[in-house]
Amino acid sequence: MRLLVSVRSADEVGAALAGGAEIIDVKEPSRGTLGAADHEVVRAVEARLPTAIPLSVALGDPPDEKAVRTAVGRQPPRRQPGEVILKLGFAGTSGRQGIVNRLAAALDQARHVGSPAIVAVAYADYARAPAPSPADVLRASVRTGAAGVLIDTFVKDGSDLFASVSDEALAEWIAEARASGLLVAVAGSLGRDAIARVGDAGPDVVGVRGAACEGGRLGRVSAERVRELRAAITAIEGRHGSRVRGCQAGEARMPGSSPARFHGSRV
């Protein structure tokens, strides 16, 4: 599993990398789960990254296809061989076709800005957003050819992902996504104990913000905290071997069956 650490400024990049972050994500947590950072912040973070470190950017939950195109079009083309990953949420979107339309717009616009990977974000507590169910986000991602999916929590109230999803259902959703050829990421106020539970399901990427910071998600990234999280992932990999090391973006996987079912606000 690769460790993604979200930063809110270029000044946090050094600590995240020193602690062992393998993907640097840019967002503004005061603006919500997928709070989009200002364009200047994204550019400043990108300038601090070694080319081999993937850059992830939160785009928020754009209200329509035009807003999606604008958000994607503003992102920086990355120096090779680094990757760019754009995370797109769907809070307020009605129906699976709405997800498909926004993903199609994002994928089309991405071809004009260096073809970054589009990752669709599902909320485990989707009824609180409101947003489409994770099952619908997964189906739409497969249909449109998105690069991957992320499951997160929309409401940041101190509860972690497992307040809205069972271990078994999360593992089923991850397995369906990976079988369908998608990169799979998991986030949602994850601490060390929650990361250990997530690791049993074997996603490709684990994303953190609050657990990596002194002072919570609005605080500042700490190299020591990131190092502890990276060590927790290494321990999981030691127990389970290659099953939880995850697949790199772009690896082919066997086609899967229908996406996992979600019920109410719990998976």
Protein backbone atom coordinates (compact mmCIF):
# COMPACT_ATOMS: atom_id res chain seq x y z
CA MET A 1 0.00 0.00 0.00
CA ARG A 2 1.22 3.47 -0.82
CA LEU A 3 0.80 6.23 1.76
CA LEU A 4 -0.84 9.43 0.56
CA VAL A 5 -0.49 12.48 2.79
CA SER A 6 -2.62 15.57 2.20
CA VAL A 7 -0.92 18.94 2.57
CA ARG A 8 -2.47 22.39 2.59
CA SER A 9 0.68 24.33 1.69
CA ALA A 10 4.09 23.88 0.13
CA ASP A 11 5.61 24.30 3.60
CA GLU A 12 4.21 20.90 4.64
CA VAL A 13 5.71 18.96 1.73
CA GLY A 14 9.14 18.47 3.30
CA ALA A 15 7.75 16.92 6.49
CA ALA A 16 5.43 14.63 4.55
CA LEU A 17 8.25 13.34 2.35
CA ALA A 18 10.68 13.04 5.26
CA GLY A 19 8.16 10.84 7.06
CA GLY A 20 7.77 8.51 4.10
CA ALA A 21 4.77 9.78 2.13
CA GLU A 22 4.71 8.21 -1.33
CA ILE A 23 1.98 10.42 -2.80
CA ILE A 24 1.47 14.10 -1.96
CA ASP A 25 -2.11 15.31 -2.11
CA VAL A 26 -3.12 18.98 -2.12
CA LYS A 27 -6.35 20.17 -0.56
CA GLU A 28 -7.71 22.85 1.76
CA PRO A 29 -9.32 20.99 4.68
CA SER A 30 -11.16 24.07 5.94
CA ARG A 31 -13.26 23.84 2.75
CA GLY A 32 -14.46 20.28 3.36
CA THR A 33 -13.41 16.72 2.70
CA LEU A 34 -12.32 17.44 -0.86
CA GLY A 35 -11.74 21.15 -0.35
CA ALA A 36 -9.98 22.48 -3.42
CA ALA A 37 -6.84 24.47 -2.65
CA ASP A 38 -6.15 27.75 -4.40
CA HIS A 39 -4.44 27.42 -7.76
CA GLU A 40 -1.28 29.13 -6.47
CA VAL A 41 -1.02 26.61 -3.63
CA VAL A 42 -1.23 23.66 -6.01
CA ARG A 43 1.51 25.17 -8.17
CA ALA A 44 3.73 25.82 -5.15
CA VAL A 45 3.32 22.24 -3.87
CA GLU A 46 4.03 20.82 -7.32
CA ALA A 47 7.25 22.84 -7.48
CA ARG A 48 8.49 21.20 -4.25
CA LEU A 49 7.99 17.61 -5.41
CA PRO A 50 10.65 15.35 -6.88
CA THR A 51 9.44 14.24 -10.32
CA ALA A 52 9.05 10.63 -9.15
CA ILE A 53 6.52 11.55 -6.44
CA PRO A 54 2.90 11.52 -7.67
CA LEU A 55 0.89 14.69 -7.16
CA SER A 56 -2.75 14.30 -6.14
CA VAL A 57 -5.16 17.24 -6.24
CA ALA A 58 -8.62 17.46 -4.66
CA LEU A 59 -11.13 19.10 -7.00
CA GLY A 60 -14.02 19.30 -4.55
CA ASP A 61 -17.58 18.39 -5.62
CA PRO A 62 -18.24 20.48 -8.77
CA PRO A 63 -21.98 21.10 -9.28
CA ASP A 64 -22.11 20.42 -13.03
CA GLU A 65 -20.07 19.37 -16.07
CA LYS A 66 -18.94 22.92 -16.85
CA ALA A 67 -17.51 23.29 -13.34
CA VAL A 68 -15.83 19.90 -13.68
CA ARG A 69 -14.10 20.99 -16.90
CA THR A 70 -12.95 24.22 -15.30
CA ALA A 71 -11.53 22.40 -12.26
CA VAL A 72 -9.67 19.82 -14.36
CA GLY A 73 -8.41 22.42 -16.84
CA ARG A 74 -6.73 24.47 -14.09
CA GLN A 75 -4.42 21.67 -12.97
CA PRO A 76 -0.69 21.69 -13.73
CA PRO A 77 0.73 19.24 -16.28
CA ARG A 78 3.28 17.16 -14.35
CA ARG A 79 6.90 16.64 -15.28
CA GLN A 80 7.48 13.03 -16.28
CA PRO A 81 7.78 10.42 -14.85
CA GLY A 82 5.62 11.82 -12.05
CA GLU A 83 1.90 11.13 -12.03
CA VAL A 84 -0.96 13.56 -11.53
CA ILE A 85 -4.10 12.26 -9.84
CA LEU A 86 -7.27 14.38 -9.74
CA LYS A 87 -9.89 13.46 -7.13
CA LEU A 88 -13.48 14.28 -8.07
CA GLY A 89 -16.42 14.17 -5.65
CA PHE A 90 -20.16 13.98 -6.33
CA ALA A 91 -21.92 15.50 -3.33
CA GLY A 92 -25.22 16.90 -4.56
CA THR A 93 -25.20 14.77 -7.70
CA SER A 94 -28.50 13.07 -8.50
CA GLY A 95 -28.48 9.56 -9.91
CA ARG A 96 -25.83 7.40 -11.53
CA GLN A 97 -26.13 9.24 -14.84
CA GLY A 98 -25.06 12.43 -13.10
CA ILE A 99 -21.84 10.69 -11.99
CA VAL A 100 -21.28 9.37 -15.50
CA ASN A 101 -21.76 12.83 -17.01
CA ARG A 102 -19.30 14.47 -14.62
CA LEU A 103 -16.72 11.72 -15.04
CA ALA A 104 -17.04 11.87 -18.82
CA ALA A 105 -16.48 15.63 -18.71
CA ALA A 106 -13.44 15.19 -16.46
CA LEU A 107 -11.92 12.50 -18.67
CA ASP A 108 -12.49 14.53 -21.81
CA GLN A 109 -10.94 17.67 -20.33
CA ALA A 110 -8.01 15.67 -18.92
CA ARG A 111 -6.88 14.84 -22.45
CA HIS A 112 -6.14 18.54 -22.94
CA VAL A 113 -3.95 18.89 -19.82
CA GLY A 114 -1.56 15.97 -19.99
CA SER A 115 -4.05 13.18 -19.24
CA PRO A 116 -3.97 13.11 -15.43
CA ALA A 117 -5.59 10.11 -13.74
CA ILE A 118 -9.21 10.80 -12.73
CA VAL A 119 -10.21 9.19 -9.43
CA ALA A 120 -13.89 9.17 -8.47
CA VAL A 121 -14.59 9.76 -4.78
CA ALA A 122 -17.35 7.87 -2.99
CA TYR A 123 -18.53 8.78 0.50
CA ALA A 124 -19.20 5.96 2.93
CA ASP A 125 -21.61 8.29 4.78
CA TYR A 126 -23.21 9.27 1.46
CA ALA A 127 -26.66 9.85 2.98
CA ARG A 128 -25.19 12.73 5.02
CA ALA A 129 -23.74 14.51 1.97
CA PRO A 130 -26.08 13.79 0.20
CA ALA A 131 -24.22 11.97 -2.53
CA PRO A 132 -24.55 8.84 -4.70
CA SER A 133 -23.86 5.52 -3.03
CA PRO A 134 -20.36 4.03 -3.25
CA ALA A 135 -21.84 1.22 -5.35
CA ASP A 136 -23.11 3.73 -7.92
CA VAL A 137 -19.80 5.59 -7.97
CA LEU A 138 -17.99 2.30 -8.58
CA ARG A 139 -20.32 1.29 -11.42
CA ALA A 140 -20.01 4.72 -13.07
CA SER A 141 -16.23 4.60 -12.77
CA VAL A 142 -16.07 1.25 -14.52
CA ARG A 143 -18.49 2.44 -17.22
CA THR A 144 -16.56 5.62 -18.03
CA GLY A 145 -13.03 4.27 -17.75
CA ALA A 146 -11.90 6.29 -14.74
CA ALA A 147 -8.47 5.37 -13.39
CA GLY A 148 -9.61 4.66 -9.87
CA VAL A 149 -11.93 5.14 -6.93
CA LEU A 150 -11.48 6.49 -3.42
CA ILE A 151 -13.79 5.85 -0.51
CA ASP A 152 -13.77 8.57 2.16
CA THR A 153 -16.09 10.18 4.69
CA PHE A 154 -17.96 13.38 3.87
CA VAL A 155 -18.58 14.58 7.42
CA LYS A 156 -15.44 15.13 9.51
CA ASP A 157 -16.78 14.91 13.07
CA GLY A 158 -14.12 12.78 14.74
CA SER A 159 -15.53 9.46 13.52
CA ASP A 160 -13.43 7.35 11.22
CA LEU A 161 -14.44 5.40 8.12
CA PHE A 162 -15.61 2.42 10.13
CA ALA A 163 -18.44 4.40 11.69
CA SER A 164 -20.08 4.16 8.25
CA VAL A 165 -18.76 0.90 6.80
CA SER A 166 -18.21 -2.62 8.07
CA ASP A 167 -14.90 -4.41 7.57
CA GLU A 168 -16.58 -7.06 5.43
CA ALA A 169 -18.41 -4.65 3.14
CA LEU A 170 -15.31 -2.48 2.70
CA ALA A 171 -13.30 -5.54 1.71
CA GLU A 172 -16.01 -6.54 -0.77
CA TRP A 173 -16.10 -3.05 -2.33
CA ILE A 174 -12.31 -2.94 -2.64
CA ALA A 175 -12.21 -6.41 -4.18
CA GLU A 176 -14.87 -5.49 -6.75
CA ALA A 177 -13.08 -2.28 -7.67
CA ARG A 178 -9.71 -3.97 -8.08
CA ALA A 179 -11.23 -6.83 -10.05
CA SER A 180 -12.70 -4.21 -12.39
CA GLY A 181 -9.25 -2.80 -13.08
CA LEU A 182 -9.47 0.30 -10.89
CA LEU A 183 -6.85 1.79 -8.63
CA VAL A 184 -8.37 1.72 -5.13
CA ALA A 185 -7.72 4.25 -2.38
CA VAL A 186 -9.16 4.44 1.14
CA ALA A 187 -9.33 7.44 3.47
CA GLY A 188 -11.67 8.75 6.16
CA SER A 189 -10.04 10.03 9.37
CA LEU A 190 -7.81 6.99 9.51
CA GLY A 191 -5.48 6.51 12.46
CA ARG A 192 -3.05 3.64 13.06
CA ASP A 193 -5.72 1.22 14.30
CA ALA A 194 -8.05 1.99 11.39
CA ILE A 195 -5.17 1.64 8.92
CA ALA A 196 -4.54 -1.85 10.28
CA ARG A 197 -8.19 -2.73 9.56
CA VAL A 198 -8.05 -1.16 6.11
CA GLY A 199 -4.85 -3.03 5.35
CA ASP A 200 -6.56 -6.38 5.73
CA ALA A 201 -8.66 -5.51 2.66
CA GLY A 202 -5.61 -4.65 0.56
CA PRO A 203 -6.26 -1.29 -1.14
CA ASP A 204 -3.58 0.28 -3.32
CA VAL A 205 -3.42 3.59 -1.45
CA VAL A 206 -4.20 4.78 2.08
CA GLY A 207 -4.83 8.52 2.47
CA VAL A 208 -4.41 10.57 5.64
CA ARG A 209 -4.51 14.16 6.81
CA GLY A 210 -5.50 14.54 10.46
CA ALA A 211 -3.45 11.58 11.69
CA ALA A 212 -0.38 13.04 9.98
CA CYS A 213 -0.75 16.43 11.67
CA GLU A 214 -0.01 18.05 15.00
CA GLY A 215 -3.30 19.66 15.93
CA GLY A 216 -5.65 17.61 13.74
CA ARG A 217 -6.60 18.06 10.10
CA LEU A 218 -6.38 21.86 10.36
CA GLY A 219 -2.97 21.60 12.01
CA ARG A 220 0.46 21.04 10.47
CA VAL A 221 1.97 17.87 8.98
CA SER A 222 4.51 16.23 11.29
CA ALA A 223 7.32 14.09 9.86
CA GLU A 224 7.25 11.92 12.98
CA ARG A 225 3.52 11.26 12.68
CA VAL A 226 3.88 10.38 9.01
CA ARG A 227 6.78 8.08 9.88
CA GLU A 228 4.61 6.26 12.41
CA LEU A 229 1.85 5.76 9.84
CA ARG A 230 4.33 4.51 7.25
CA ALA A 231 5.69 2.06 9.84
CA ALA A 232 2.16 0.81 10.52
CA ILE A 233 1.68 0.10 6.81
CA THR A 234 5.05 -1.65 6.62
CA ALA A 235 4.00 -3.87 9.54
CA ILE A 236 0.77 -4.78 7.76
CA GLU A 237 2.70 -5.65 4.60
CA GLY A 238 5.00 -7.82 6.67
CA ARG A 239 2.06 -9.78 8.02
CA HIS A 240 0.19 -10.19 4.75
CA GLY A 241 2.92 -10.05 2.12
CA SER A 242 2.25 -8.88 -1.42
CA ARG A 243 -1.54 -9.13 -1.05
CA VAL A 244 -1.67 -5.74 0.66
CA ARG A 245 1.18 -4.06 -1.22
CA GLY A 246 -1.38 -3.00 -3.82
CA CYS A 247 -1.17 -2.66 -7.56
CA GLN A 248 0.43 0.31 -9.23
CA ALA A 249 -1.75 2.56 -11.35
CA GLY A 250 -2.25 1.15 -14.82
CA GLU A 251 -1.78 -2.54 -14.00
CA ALA A 252 -4.33 -4.74 -15.73
CA ARG A 253 -6.71 -6.73 -13.55
CA MET A 254 -9.28 -9.38 -14.36
CA PRO A 255 -12.84 -8.14 -14.97
CA GLY A 256 -15.01 -8.43 -11.89
CA SER A 257 -18.63 -9.01 -11.03
CA SER A 258 -21.23 -6.43 -10.03
CA PRO A 259 -20.19 -3.82 -7.43
CA ALA A 260 -20.72 -4.41 -3.73
CA ARG A 261 -24.08 -3.40 -2.30
CA PHE A 262 -24.44 -0.50 0.10
CA HIS A 263 -27.32 -0.03 2.49
CA GLY A 264 -28.32 3.27 4.07
CA SER A 265 -25.38 5.18 5.49
CA ARG A 266 -23.36 2.01 6.12
CA VAL A 267 -21.71 -0.07 3.46
